[in-house]
Structure formats: structure tokens, C-alpha cells
Amino acid sequence: FWLCVVAGAYGGHGETYVSHDEIENDKA
């Protein structure tokens, strides 16, 4: 995000955290 700002541009966030239990139970 800082690299975007100093380049005169803008950034986009995303988040992909998952636990082993969620994966095993297909409930992520």
C-alpha cells in the first residue's frame, strides 16, 4: 500500500486466512 501511494497510485487489499480445521471440514 505504501509503494502504491509513493508511486502516485492506489492499492487494493484482500485476505485469505484459513485454519487446518476449516480445510478438513470444508468450512473455510
PDB file of all heavy atoms in Angstrom:
ATOM      1  N   PHE A   1       0.830  -1.204   0.000  1.00  0.00           N
ATOM      2  CA  PHE A   1       0.000   0.000   0.000  1.00  0.00           C
ATOM      3  C   PHE A   1       0.867   1.257   0.000  1.00  0.00           C
ATOM      4  O   PHE A   1       0.564   2.234  -0.688  1.00  0.00           O
ATOM      5  CB  PHE A   1      -0.954  -0.008   1.194  1.00  0.00           C
ATOM      6  CG  PHE A   1      -2.304  -0.587   0.877  1.00  0.00           C
ATOM      7  CD1 PHE A   1      -2.476  -1.962   0.751  1.00  0.00           C
ATOM      8  CD2 PHE A   1      -3.400   0.232   0.681  1.00  0.00           C
ATOM      9  CE1 PHE A   1      -3.714  -2.501   0.456  1.00  0.00           C
ATOM     10  CE2 PHE A   1      -4.652  -0.291   0.374  1.00  0.00           C
ATOM     11  CZ  PHE A   1      -4.809  -1.661   0.259  1.00  0.00           C
ATOM     12  N   TRP A   2       1.957   1.234   0.768  1.00  0.00           N
ATOM     13  CA  TRP A   2       2.864   2.380   0.771  1.00  0.00           C
ATOM     14  C   TRP A   2       3.545   2.550  -0.590  1.00  0.00           C
ATOM     15  O   TRP A   2       3.720   3.671  -1.070  1.00  0.00           O
ATOM     16  CB  TRP A   2       3.904   2.227   1.884  1.00  0.00           C
ATOM     17  CG  TRP A   2       3.382   2.688   3.208  1.00  0.00           C
ATOM     18  CD1 TRP A   2       2.624   1.979   4.091  1.00  0.00           C
ATOM     19  CD2 TRP A   2       3.555   3.983   3.787  1.00  0.00           C
ATOM     20  NE1 TRP A   2       2.314   2.737   5.187  1.00  0.00           N
ATOM     21  CE2 TRP A   2       2.878   3.985   5.034  1.00  0.00           C
ATOM     22  CE3 TRP A   2       4.215   5.145   3.391  1.00  0.00           C
ATOM     23  CZ2 TRP A   2       2.851   5.093   5.874  1.00  0.00           C
ATOM     24  CZ3 TRP A   2       4.195   6.263   4.224  1.00  0.00           C
ATOM     25  CH2 TRP A   2       3.510   6.225   5.448  1.00  0.00           C
ATOM     26  N   LEU A   3       3.918   1.457  -1.221  1.00  0.00           N
ATOM     27  CA  LEU A   3       4.528   1.538  -2.544  1.00  0.00           C
ATOM     28  C   LEU A   3       3.561   2.147  -3.553  1.00  0.00           C
ATOM     29  O   LEU A   3       3.978   2.887  -4.452  1.00  0.00           O
ATOM     30  CB  LEU A   3       4.976   0.152  -3.000  1.00  0.00           C
ATOM     31  CG  LEU A   3       6.173  -0.455  -2.258  1.00  0.00           C
ATOM     32  CD1 LEU A   3       6.411  -1.890  -2.717  1.00  0.00           C
ATOM     33  CD2 LEU A   3       7.433   0.391  -2.448  1.00  0.00           C
ATOM     34  N   CYS A   4       2.290   1.839  -3.408  1.00  0.00           N
ATOM     35  CA  CYS A   4       1.295   2.435  -4.297  1.00  0.00           C
ATOM     36  C   CYS A   4       1.229   3.949  -4.108  1.00  0.00           C
ATOM     37  O   CYS A   4       1.251   4.719  -5.077  1.00  0.00           O
ATOM     38  CB  CYS A   4      -0.079   1.809  -4.033  1.00  0.00           C
ATOM     39  SG  CYS A   4      -0.269   0.131  -4.675  1.00  0.00           S
ATOM     40  N   VAL A   5       1.132   4.381  -2.862  1.00  0.00           N
ATOM     41  CA  VAL A   5       0.982   5.810  -2.591  1.00  0.00           C
ATOM     42  C   VAL A   5       2.179   6.598  -3.103  1.00  0.00           C
ATOM     43  O   VAL A   5       2.031   7.648  -3.740  1.00  0.00           O
ATOM     44  CB  VAL A   5       0.761   6.053  -1.084  1.00  0.00           C
ATOM     45  CG1 VAL A   5       0.870   7.545  -0.758  1.00  0.00           C
ATOM     46  CG2 VAL A   5      -0.591   5.522  -0.657  1.00  0.00           C
ATOM     47  N   VAL A   6       3.395   6.080  -2.845  1.00  0.00           N
ATOM     48  CA  VAL A   6       4.584   6.824  -3.255  1.00  0.00           C
ATOM     49  C   VAL A   6       4.766   6.786  -4.773  1.00  0.00           C
ATOM     50  O   VAL A   6       5.511   7.588  -5.337  1.00  0.00           O
ATOM     51  CB  VAL A   6       5.832   6.281  -2.512  1.00  0.00           C
ATOM     52  CG1 VAL A   6       6.354   5.017  -3.156  1.00  0.00           C
ATOM     53  CG2 VAL A   6       6.918   7.341  -2.405  1.00  0.00           C
ATOM     54  N   ALA A   7       4.059   5.867  -5.438  1.00  0.00           N
ATOM     55  CA  ALA A   7       4.079   5.812  -6.905  1.00  0.00           C
ATOM     56  C   ALA A   7       2.982   6.665  -7.521  1.00  0.00           C
ATOM     57  O   ALA A   7       2.845   6.701  -8.754  1.00  0.00           O
ATOM     58  CB  ALA A   7       3.937   4.367  -7.377  1.00  0.00           C
ATOM     59  N   GLY A   8       2.185   7.339  -6.691  1.00  0.00           N
ATOM     60  CA  GLY A   8       1.087   8.141  -7.213  1.00  0.00           C
ATOM     61  C   GLY A   8      -0.105   7.298  -7.619  1.00  0.00           C
ATOM     62  O   GLY A   8      -0.953   7.744  -8.401  1.00  0.00           O
ATOM     63  N   ALA A   9      -0.191   6.083  -7.072  1.00  0.00           N
ATOM     64  CA  ALA A   9      -1.281   5.157  -7.390  1.00  0.00           C
ATOM     65  C   ALA A   9      -1.991   4.770  -6.094  1.00  0.00           C
ATOM     66  O   ALA A   9      -1.749   5.344  -5.026  1.00  0.00           O
ATOM     67  CB  ALA A   9      -0.732   3.929  -8.113  1.00  0.00           C
ATOM     68  N   TYR A  10      -2.845   3.745  -6.193  1.00  0.00           N
ATOM     69  CA  TYR A  10      -3.625   3.305  -5.040  1.00  0.00           C
ATOM     70  C   TYR A  10      -3.629   1.782  -4.987  1.00  0.00           C
ATOM     71  O   TYR A  10      -3.514   1.109  -6.014  1.00  0.00           O
ATOM     72  CB  TYR A  10      -5.050   3.854  -5.117  1.00  0.00           C
ATOM     73  CG  TYR A  10      -5.066   5.364  -5.082  1.00  0.00           C
ATOM     74  CD1 TYR A  10      -5.078   6.102  -6.269  1.00  0.00           C
ATOM     75  CD2 TYR A  10      -4.999   6.052  -3.877  1.00  0.00           C
ATOM     76  CE1 TYR A  10      -5.054   7.491  -6.248  1.00  0.00           C
ATOM     77  CE2 TYR A  10      -4.972   7.445  -3.841  1.00  0.00           C
ATOM     78  CZ  TYR A  10      -4.996   8.156  -5.025  1.00  0.00           C
ATOM     79  OH  TYR A  10      -4.948   9.528  -4.994  1.00  0.00           O
ATOM     80  N   GLY A  11      -3.769   1.244  -3.769  1.00  0.00           N
ATOM     81  CA  GLY A  11      -3.681  -0.195  -3.573  1.00  0.00           C
ATOM     82  C   GLY A  11      -5.019  -0.850  -3.304  1.00  0.00           C
ATOM     83  O   GLY A  11      -6.015  -0.182  -3.011  1.00  0.00           O
ATOM     84  N   GLY A  12      -5.025  -2.178  -3.394  1.00  0.00           N
ATOM     85  CA  GLY A  12      -6.207  -2.974  -3.091  1.00  0.00           C
ATOM     86  C   GLY A  12      -5.854  -4.107  -2.149  1.00  0.00           C
ATOM     87  O   GLY A  12      -4.867  -4.810  -2.345  1.00  0.00           O
ATOM     88  N   HIS A  13      -6.665  -4.279  -1.119  1.00  0.00           N
ATOM     89  CA  HIS A  13      -6.439  -5.291  -0.087  1.00  0.00           C
ATOM     90  C   HIS A  13      -7.250  -6.544  -0.372  1.00  0.00           C
ATOM     91  O   HIS A  13      -8.282  -6.528  -1.038  1.00  0.00           O
ATOM     92  CB  HIS A  13      -6.848  -4.701   1.267  1.00  0.00           C
ATOM     93  CG  HIS A  13      -7.051  -5.701   2.371  1.00  0.00           C
ATOM     94  ND1 HIS A  13      -8.262  -6.348   2.587  1.00  0.00           N
ATOM     95  CD2 HIS A  13      -6.208  -6.159   3.329  1.00  0.00           C
ATOM     96  CE1 HIS A  13      -8.148  -7.149   3.633  1.00  0.00           C
ATOM     97  NE2 HIS A  13      -6.923  -7.051   4.105  1.00  0.00           N
ATOM     98  N   GLY A  14      -6.771  -7.651   0.145  1.00  0.00           N
ATOM     99  CA  GLY A  14      -7.529  -8.883   0.181  1.00  0.00           C
ATOM    100  C   GLY A  14      -6.965  -9.752   1.287  1.00  0.00           C
ATOM    101  O   GLY A  14      -5.819  -9.555   1.718  1.00  0.00           O
ATOM    102  N   GLU A  15      -7.757 -10.708   1.767  1.00  0.00           N
ATOM    103  CA  GLU A  15      -7.309 -11.517   2.901  1.00  0.00           C
ATOM    104  C   GLU A  15      -7.772 -12.951   2.739  1.00  0.00           C
ATOM    105  O   GLU A  15      -8.949 -13.196   2.463  1.00  0.00           O
ATOM    106  CB  GLU A  15      -7.867 -10.915   4.194  1.00  0.00           C
ATOM    107  CG  GLU A  15      -7.303 -11.564   5.447  1.00  0.00           C
ATOM    108  CD  GLU A  15      -7.823 -10.894   6.713  1.00  0.00           C
ATOM    109  OE1 GLU A  15      -7.374  -9.766   7.025  1.00  0.00           O
ATOM    110  OE2 GLU A  15      -8.690 -11.487   7.367  1.00  0.00           O
ATOM    111  N   THR A  16      -6.832 -13.891   2.917  1.00  0.00           N
ATOM    112  CA  THR A  16      -7.124 -15.306   2.672  1.00  0.00           C
ATOM    113  C   THR A  16      -6.528 -16.173   3.775  1.00  0.00           C
ATOM    114  O   THR A  16      -5.675 -17.027   3.518  1.00  0.00           O
ATOM    115  CB  THR A  16      -6.577 -15.741   1.298  1.00  0.00           C
ATOM    116  OG1 THR A  16      -5.222 -15.281   1.169  1.00  0.00           O
ATOM    117  CG2 THR A  16      -7.406 -15.175   0.156  1.00  0.00           C
ATOM    118  N   TYR A  17      -6.974 -15.977   4.989  1.00  0.00           N
ATOM    119  CA  TYR A  17      -6.539 -16.816   6.103  1.00  0.00           C
ATOM    120  C   TYR A  17      -7.491 -17.989   6.273  1.00  0.00           C
ATOM    121  O   TYR A  17      -8.712 -17.848   6.154  1.00  0.00           O
ATOM    122  CB  TYR A  17      -6.504 -16.014   7.408  1.00  0.00           C
ATOM    123  CG  TYR A  17      -5.278 -15.147   7.552  1.00  0.00           C
ATOM    124  CD1 TYR A  17      -5.354 -13.767   7.402  1.00  0.00           C
ATOM    125  CD2 TYR A  17      -4.037 -15.717   7.824  1.00  0.00           C
ATOM    126  CE1 TYR A  17      -4.231 -12.977   7.525  1.00  0.00           C
ATOM    127  CE2 TYR A  17      -2.901 -14.918   7.953  1.00  0.00           C
ATOM    128  CZ  TYR A  17      -3.006 -13.555   7.799  1.00  0.00           C
ATOM    129  OH  TYR A  17      -1.892 -12.776   7.927  1.00  0.00           O
ATOM    130  N   VAL A  18      -6.917 -19.148   6.570  1.00  0.00           N
ATOM    131  CA  VAL A  18      -7.727 -20.352   6.772  1.00  0.00           C
ATOM    132  C   VAL A  18      -7.022 -21.234   7.797  1.00  0.00           C
ATOM    133  O   VAL A  18      -5.785 -21.261   7.884  1.00  0.00           O
ATOM    134  CB  VAL A  18      -7.927 -21.099   5.428  1.00  0.00           C
ATOM    135  CG1 VAL A  18      -6.614 -21.622   4.885  1.00  0.00           C
ATOM    136  CG2 VAL A  18      -8.951 -22.205   5.559  1.00  0.00           C
ATOM    137  N   SER A  19      -7.807 -21.949   8.586  1.00  0.00           N
ATOM    138  CA  SER A  19      -7.237 -22.877   9.568  1.00  0.00           C
ATOM    139  C   SER A  19      -7.295 -24.296   9.030  1.00  0.00           C
ATOM    140  O   SER A  19      -8.063 -24.604   8.108  1.00  0.00           O
ATOM    141  CB  SER A  19      -8.008 -22.803  10.891  1.00  0.00           C
ATOM    142  OG  SER A  19      -9.307 -23.366  10.749  1.00  0.00           O
ATOM    143  N   HIS A  20      -6.485 -25.194   9.622  1.00  0.00           N
ATOM    144  CA  HIS A  20      -6.483 -26.600   9.185  1.00  0.00           C
ATOM    145  C   HIS A  20      -7.842 -27.245   9.432  1.00  0.00           C
ATOM    146  O   HIS A  20      -8.311 -28.054   8.624  1.00  0.00           O
ATOM    147  CB  HIS A  20      -5.375 -27.365   9.906  1.00  0.00           C
ATOM    148  CG  HIS A  20      -3.996 -26.935   9.510  1.00  0.00           C
ATOM    149  ND1 HIS A  20      -3.495 -27.131   8.244  1.00  0.00           N
ATOM    150  CD2 HIS A  20      -3.006 -26.316  10.208  1.00  0.00           C
ATOM    151  CE1 HIS A  20      -2.261 -26.650   8.163  1.00  0.00           C
ATOM    152  NE2 HIS A  20      -1.943 -26.152   9.345  1.00  0.00           N
ATOM    153  N   ASP A  21      -8.483 -26.911  10.542  1.00  0.00           N
ATOM    154  CA  ASP A  21      -9.803 -27.477  10.818  1.00  0.00           C
ATOM    155  C   ASP A  21     -10.815 -27.057   9.764  1.00  0.00           C
ATOM    156  O   ASP A  21     -11.642 -27.873   9.325  1.00  0.00           O
ATOM    157  CB  ASP A  21     -10.285 -27.025  12.204  1.00  0.00           C
ATOM    158  CG  ASP A  21      -9.525 -27.704  13.335  1.00  0.00           C
ATOM    159  OD1 ASP A  21      -8.888 -28.748  13.072  1.00  0.00           O
ATOM    160  OD2 ASP A  21      -9.574 -27.196  14.470  1.00  0.00           O
ATOM    161  N   GLU A  22     -10.761 -25.802   9.355  1.00  0.00           N
ATOM    162  CA  GLU A  22     -11.682 -25.324   8.333  1.00  0.00           C
ATOM    163  C   GLU A  22     -11.459 -26.057   7.018  1.00  0.00           C
ATOM    164  O   GLU A  22     -12.418 -26.408   6.315  1.00  0.00           O
ATOM    165  CB  GLU A  22     -11.494 -23.816   8.127  1.00  0.00           C
ATOM    166  CG  GLU A  22     -12.028 -22.960   9.257  1.00  0.00           C
ATOM    167  CD  GLU A  22     -11.717 -21.495   9.064  1.00  0.00           C
ATOM    168  OE1 GLU A  22     -10.648 -21.182   8.480  1.00  0.00           O
ATOM    169  OE2 GLU A  22     -12.521 -20.663   9.484  1.00  0.00           O
ATOM    170  N   ILE A  23     -10.207 -26.311   6.679  1.00  0.00           N
ATOM    171  CA  ILE A  23      -9.908 -27.022   5.433  1.00  0.00           C
ATOM    172  C   ILE A  23     -10.422 -28.446   5.495  1.00  0.00           C
ATOM    173  O   ILE A  23     -11.067 -28.945   4.564  1.00  0.00           O
ATOM    174  CB  ILE A  23      -8.391 -26.995   5.162  1.00  0.00           C
ATOM    175  CG1 ILE A  23      -7.917 -25.565   4.915  1.00  0.00           C
ATOM    176  CG2 ILE A  23      -8.055 -27.868   3.958  1.00  0.00           C
ATOM    177  CD1 ILE A  23      -6.424 -25.431   4.803  1.00  0.00           C
ATOM    178  N   GLU A  24     -10.138 -29.129   6.605  1.00  0.00           N
ATOM    179  CA  GLU A  24     -10.542 -30.526   6.741  1.00  0.00           C
ATOM    180  C   GLU A  24     -12.063 -30.675   6.721  1.00  0.00           C
ATOM    181  O   GLU A  24     -12.588 -31.660   6.207  1.00  0.00           O
ATOM    182  CB  GLU A  24      -9.970 -31.104   8.030  1.00  0.00           C
ATOM    183  CG  GLU A  24      -8.447 -31.280   7.983  1.00  0.00           C
ATOM    184  CD  GLU A  24      -7.880 -31.722   9.317  1.00  0.00           C
ATOM    185  OE1 GLU A  24      -8.677 -31.911  10.263  1.00  0.00           O
ATOM    186  OE2 GLU A  24      -6.644 -31.872   9.418  1.00  0.00           O
ATOM    187  N   ASN A  25     -12.773 -29.698   7.267  1.00  0.00           N
ATOM    188  CA  ASN A  25     -14.233 -29.776   7.325  1.00  0.00           C
ATOM    189  C   ASN A  25     -14.923 -29.036   6.178  1.00  0.00           C
ATOM    190  O   ASN A  25     -16.150 -28.936   6.150  1.00  0.00           O
ATOM    191  CB  ASN A  25     -14.729 -29.211   8.660  1.00  0.00           C
ATOM    192  CG  ASN A  25     -14.267 -30.044   9.840  1.00  0.00           C
ATOM    193  OD1 ASN A  25     -14.437 -31.256   9.845  1.00  0.00           O
ATOM    194  ND2 ASN A  25     -13.684 -29.398  10.840  1.00  0.00           N
ATOM    195  N   ASP A  26     -14.099 -28.531   5.253  1.00  0.00           N
ATOM    196  CA  ASP A  26     -14.611 -27.803   4.093  1.00  0.00           C
ATOM    197  C   ASP A  26     -15.543 -26.674   4.521  1.00  0.00           C
ATOM    198  O   ASP A  26     -16.610 -26.463   3.939  1.00  0.00           O
ATOM    199  CB  ASP A  26     -15.340 -28.756   3.141  1.00  0.00           C
ATOM    200  CG  ASP A  26     -15.540 -28.131   1.757  1.00  0.00           C
ATOM    201  OD1 ASP A  26     -14.748 -27.244   1.389  1.00  0.00           O
ATOM    202  OD2 ASP A  26     -16.500 -28.518   1.056  1.00  0.00           O
ATOM    203  N   LYS A  27     -15.133 -25.947   5.556  1.00  0.00           N
ATOM    204  CA  LYS A  27     -15.949 -24.842   6.069  1.00  0.00           C
ATOM    205  C   LYS A  27     -15.138 -23.550   6.150  1.00  0.00           C
ATOM    206  O   LYS A  27     -15.368 -22.713   7.025  1.00  0.00           O
ATOM    207  CB  LYS A  27     -16.530 -25.200   7.435  1.00  0.00           C
ATOM    208  CG  LYS A  27     -17.557 -26.324   7.398  1.00  0.00           C
ATOM    209  CD  LYS A  27     -18.155 -26.562   8.769  1.00  0.00           C
ATOM    210  CE  LYS A  27     -19.220 -27.659   8.714  1.00  0.00           C
ATOM    211  NZ  LYS A  27     -19.827 -27.905  10.046  1.00  0.00           N
ATOM    212  N   ALA A  28     -14.186 -23.401   5.275  1.00  0.00           N
ATOM    213  CA  ALA A  28     -13.328 -22.222   5.308  1.00  0.00           C
ATOM    214  C   ALA A  28     -14.113 -20.965   4.938  1.00  0.00           C
ATOM    215  O   ALA A  28     -14.858 -20.945   3.954  1.00  0.00           O
ATOM    216  CB  ALA A  28     -12.150 -22.405   4.362  1.00  0.00           C
TER     217      ALA A  28
END
